[in-house]
N, C-alpha and C. Protein backbone atom coordinates (compact mmCIF):
# COMPACT_ATOMS: atom_id res chain seq x y z
N MET A 1 22.86 69.99 78.47
CA MET A 1 21.58 69.61 78.07
C MET A 1 21.30 69.85 76.59
N ILE A 2 21.65 71.11 76.08
CA ILE A 2 21.44 71.38 74.66
C ILE A 2 22.24 70.51 73.77
N GLU A 3 23.57 70.26 74.27
CA GLU A 3 24.42 69.41 73.44
C GLU A 3 23.91 68.01 73.31
N GLU A 4 23.36 67.47 74.39
CA GLU A 4 22.89 66.09 74.32
C GLU A 4 21.60 66.06 73.39
N ARG A 5 20.80 67.07 73.48
CA ARG A 5 19.61 67.11 72.57
C ARG A 5 20.00 67.24 71.12
N LEU A 6 21.00 68.11 70.80
CA LEU A 6 21.54 68.18 69.45
C LEU A 6 22.10 66.87 69.04
N LYS A 7 22.84 66.22 69.83
CA LYS A 7 23.43 64.95 69.47
C LYS A 7 22.34 63.92 69.19
N THR A 8 21.34 63.84 70.06
CA THR A 8 20.27 62.82 69.94
C THR A 8 19.38 63.06 68.69
N GLU A 9 19.04 64.34 68.48
CA GLU A 9 18.25 64.74 67.30
C GLU A 9 19.02 64.48 65.99
N THR A 10 20.24 64.79 65.98
CA THR A 10 21.08 64.60 64.78
C THR A 10 21.15 63.11 64.44
N GLU A 11 21.43 62.28 65.45
CA GLU A 11 21.47 60.83 65.25
C GLU A 11 20.13 60.26 64.79
N LYS A 12 19.03 60.78 65.36
CA LYS A 12 17.69 60.36 64.96
C LYS A 12 17.42 60.69 63.52
N TRP A 13 17.68 61.91 63.06
CA TRP A 13 17.43 62.28 61.69
C TRP A 13 18.33 61.71 60.68
N LEU A 14 19.62 61.54 61.18
CA LEU A 14 20.55 60.77 60.32
C LEU A 14 20.11 59.38 59.99
N ALA A 15 19.74 58.65 61.02
CA ALA A 15 19.27 57.31 60.77
C ALA A 15 17.92 57.29 59.86
N ARG A 16 17.13 58.30 60.00
CA ARG A 16 15.91 58.37 59.15
C ARG A 16 16.30 58.56 57.70
N ILE A 17 17.19 59.55 57.50
CA ILE A 17 17.41 59.93 56.08
C ILE A 17 18.27 58.77 55.43
N GLU A 18 19.10 58.13 56.12
CA GLU A 18 19.89 57.02 55.61
C GLU A 18 18.92 55.84 55.24
N GLU A 19 18.02 55.60 56.03
CA GLU A 19 17.06 54.51 55.77
C GLU A 19 16.15 54.90 54.56
N LYS A 20 15.68 56.12 54.56
CA LYS A 20 14.75 56.56 53.44
C LYS A 20 15.47 56.68 52.08
N THR A 21 16.78 56.94 52.09
CA THR A 21 17.41 57.05 50.80
C THR A 21 18.17 55.77 50.33
N LYS A 22 18.07 54.72 51.20
CA LYS A 22 18.78 53.51 50.89
C LYS A 22 18.43 52.95 49.50
N ASN A 23 17.19 52.92 49.15
CA ASN A 23 16.73 52.32 47.89
C ASN A 23 16.03 53.29 46.99
N ILE A 24 16.26 54.57 47.21
CA ILE A 24 15.60 55.57 46.34
C ILE A 24 16.19 55.58 44.99
N LYS A 25 15.29 55.81 43.97
CA LYS A 25 15.72 55.77 42.58
C LYS A 25 15.40 57.13 41.90
N PRO A 26 16.48 57.91 41.56
CA PRO A 26 16.11 59.13 40.78
C PRO A 26 15.59 58.83 39.47
N ILE A 27 14.69 59.70 38.93
CA ILE A 27 14.02 59.46 37.68
C ILE A 27 14.60 60.22 36.49
N ASN A 28 15.49 61.21 36.82
CA ASN A 28 16.14 61.96 35.71
C ASN A 28 17.43 62.56 36.27
N SER A 29 18.06 63.47 35.47
CA SER A 29 19.33 64.07 35.83
C SER A 29 19.12 65.04 36.98
N ARG A 30 17.99 65.74 37.02
CA ARG A 30 17.74 66.68 38.15
C ARG A 30 17.61 65.93 39.51
N ALA A 31 16.89 64.77 39.37
CA ALA A 31 16.74 63.98 40.58
C ALA A 31 18.02 63.35 41.03
N LYS A 32 18.87 63.01 40.05
CA LYS A 32 20.17 62.47 40.37
C LYS A 32 21.06 63.57 41.11
N TRP A 33 20.96 64.77 40.62
CA TRP A 33 21.61 65.90 41.30
C TRP A 33 21.11 66.06 42.73
N ALA A 34 19.79 65.97 42.94
CA ALA A 34 19.26 66.06 44.26
C ALA A 34 19.80 64.94 45.17
N MET A 35 19.77 63.73 44.72
CA MET A 35 20.22 62.62 45.50
C MET A 35 21.76 62.75 45.82
N GLU A 36 22.52 63.28 44.89
CA GLU A 36 23.95 63.50 45.11
C GLU A 36 24.16 64.52 46.31
N ASN A 37 23.27 65.53 46.27
CA ASN A 37 23.36 66.61 47.24
C ASN A 37 22.91 66.01 48.65
N ILE A 38 21.92 65.15 48.65
CA ILE A 38 21.45 64.52 49.93
C ILE A 38 22.67 63.72 50.48
N GLN A 39 23.33 62.91 49.61
CA GLN A 39 24.45 62.15 50.10
C GLN A 39 25.58 63.08 50.59
N ALA A 40 25.82 64.18 49.90
CA ALA A 40 26.85 65.11 50.33
C ALA A 40 26.58 65.68 51.71
N TYR A 41 25.31 66.05 51.96
CA TYR A 41 24.93 66.59 53.26
C TYR A 41 25.03 65.51 54.35
N ILE A 42 24.69 64.25 53.99
CA ILE A 42 24.88 63.21 54.95
C ILE A 42 26.33 63.03 55.33
N ALA A 43 27.23 63.11 54.31
CA ALA A 43 28.68 63.01 54.59
C ALA A 43 29.12 64.21 55.40
N ASP A 44 28.53 65.33 55.11
CA ASP A 44 28.94 66.53 55.91
C ASP A 44 28.54 66.38 57.39
N CYS A 45 27.37 65.85 57.55
CA CYS A 45 26.84 65.63 58.90
C CYS A 45 27.78 64.75 59.70
N LYS A 46 28.20 63.65 59.08
CA LYS A 46 29.05 62.67 59.77
C LYS A 46 30.44 63.34 60.09
N HIS A 47 30.90 64.17 59.10
CA HIS A 47 32.16 64.85 59.31
C HIS A 47 32.10 65.80 60.54
N PHE A 48 31.00 66.59 60.54
CA PHE A 48 30.84 67.47 61.70
C PHE A 48 30.63 66.71 63.03
N GLN A 49 29.96 65.61 62.95
CA GLN A 49 29.80 64.82 64.20
C GLN A 49 31.19 64.39 64.70
N LYS A 50 32.02 63.92 63.85
CA LYS A 50 33.34 63.49 64.24
C LYS A 50 34.17 64.58 64.82
N LYS A 51 33.98 65.83 64.32
CA LYS A 51 34.74 66.99 64.88
C LYS A 51 34.10 67.50 66.15
N GLY A 52 32.87 67.02 66.45
CA GLY A 52 32.17 67.47 67.69
C GLY A 52 31.42 68.77 67.41
N ASP A 53 31.24 69.09 66.14
CA ASP A 53 30.57 70.34 65.77
C ASP A 53 29.04 70.00 65.65
N LEU A 54 28.34 70.01 66.78
CA LEU A 54 26.91 69.50 66.79
C LEU A 54 25.95 70.38 66.04
N VAL A 55 26.18 71.66 66.01
CA VAL A 55 25.28 72.53 65.34
C VAL A 55 25.37 72.36 63.85
N ASN A 56 26.51 72.31 63.30
CA ASN A 56 26.69 72.08 61.86
C ASN A 56 26.27 70.69 61.46
N ALA A 57 26.51 69.73 62.31
CA ALA A 57 26.03 68.35 62.00
C ALA A 57 24.48 68.29 61.94
N PHE A 58 23.84 68.94 62.85
CA PHE A 58 22.38 68.97 62.78
C PHE A 58 21.88 69.69 61.60
N GLU A 59 22.53 70.82 61.30
CA GLU A 59 22.14 71.66 60.10
C GLU A 59 22.30 70.82 58.82
N ALA A 60 23.40 70.09 58.72
CA ALA A 60 23.62 69.33 57.49
C ALA A 60 22.53 68.20 57.31
N VAL A 61 22.18 67.54 58.36
CA VAL A 61 21.25 66.46 58.27
C VAL A 61 19.87 67.02 58.00
N VAL A 62 19.55 68.17 58.51
CA VAL A 62 18.22 68.80 58.22
C VAL A 62 18.15 69.25 56.81
N TYR A 63 19.26 69.77 56.27
CA TYR A 63 19.34 70.15 54.80
C TYR A 63 19.10 68.92 53.99
N ALA A 64 19.78 67.80 54.33
CA ALA A 64 19.57 66.53 53.53
C ALA A 64 18.13 66.12 53.53
N TYR A 65 17.51 66.15 54.70
CA TYR A 65 16.08 65.74 54.80
C TYR A 65 15.20 66.69 54.02
N GLY A 66 15.53 67.94 54.01
CA GLY A 66 14.73 68.94 53.25
C GLY A 66 14.83 68.70 51.75
N ILE A 67 16.03 68.39 51.24
CA ILE A 67 16.17 68.13 49.86
C ILE A 67 15.41 66.82 49.51
N TYR A 68 15.51 65.79 50.39
CA TYR A 68 14.77 64.57 50.14
C TYR A 68 13.24 64.79 50.08
N GLU A 69 12.73 65.50 50.98
CA GLU A 69 11.28 65.86 50.96
C GLU A 69 10.89 66.56 49.71
N THR A 70 11.68 67.55 49.40
CA THR A 70 11.37 68.35 48.20
C THR A 70 11.38 67.46 46.99
N ALA A 71 12.38 66.62 46.79
CA ALA A 71 12.49 65.73 45.68
C ALA A 71 11.25 64.87 45.57
N LEU A 72 10.83 64.31 46.69
CA LEU A 72 9.65 63.45 46.65
C LEU A 72 8.41 64.19 46.24
N HIS A 73 8.24 65.41 46.80
CA HIS A 73 7.07 66.17 46.51
C HIS A 73 7.01 66.68 45.08
N CYS A 74 8.22 66.89 44.53
CA CYS A 74 8.24 67.34 43.13
C CYS A 74 8.24 66.23 42.09
N GLY A 75 8.16 64.98 42.63
CA GLY A 75 8.16 63.81 41.75
C GLY A 75 9.44 63.48 41.14
N LEU A 76 10.57 63.83 41.77
CA LEU A 76 11.87 63.58 41.23
C LEU A 76 12.47 62.19 41.61
N ALA A 77 11.80 61.54 42.50
CA ALA A 77 12.28 60.22 42.97
C ALA A 77 11.17 59.40 43.31
N GLU A 78 11.43 58.05 43.33
CA GLU A 78 10.43 57.11 43.74
C GLU A 78 10.87 56.41 45.04
């Protein structure tokens, strides 16, 4: 049960962050750094999914989403 929920939630949040970052434009070098980190955590999430490591996959996608939200709130991206 917990494994299925982790898998479902990870896939849901991964789809959300990929959609939201598809056309995002960083406004300066700090924003570019944030976007690079978001993409790195997305890649980590996918890596952990392939390994069957559901906890780390979920953790990575949540980190990516947190960086995305922070960047938006700080005005680092449009």
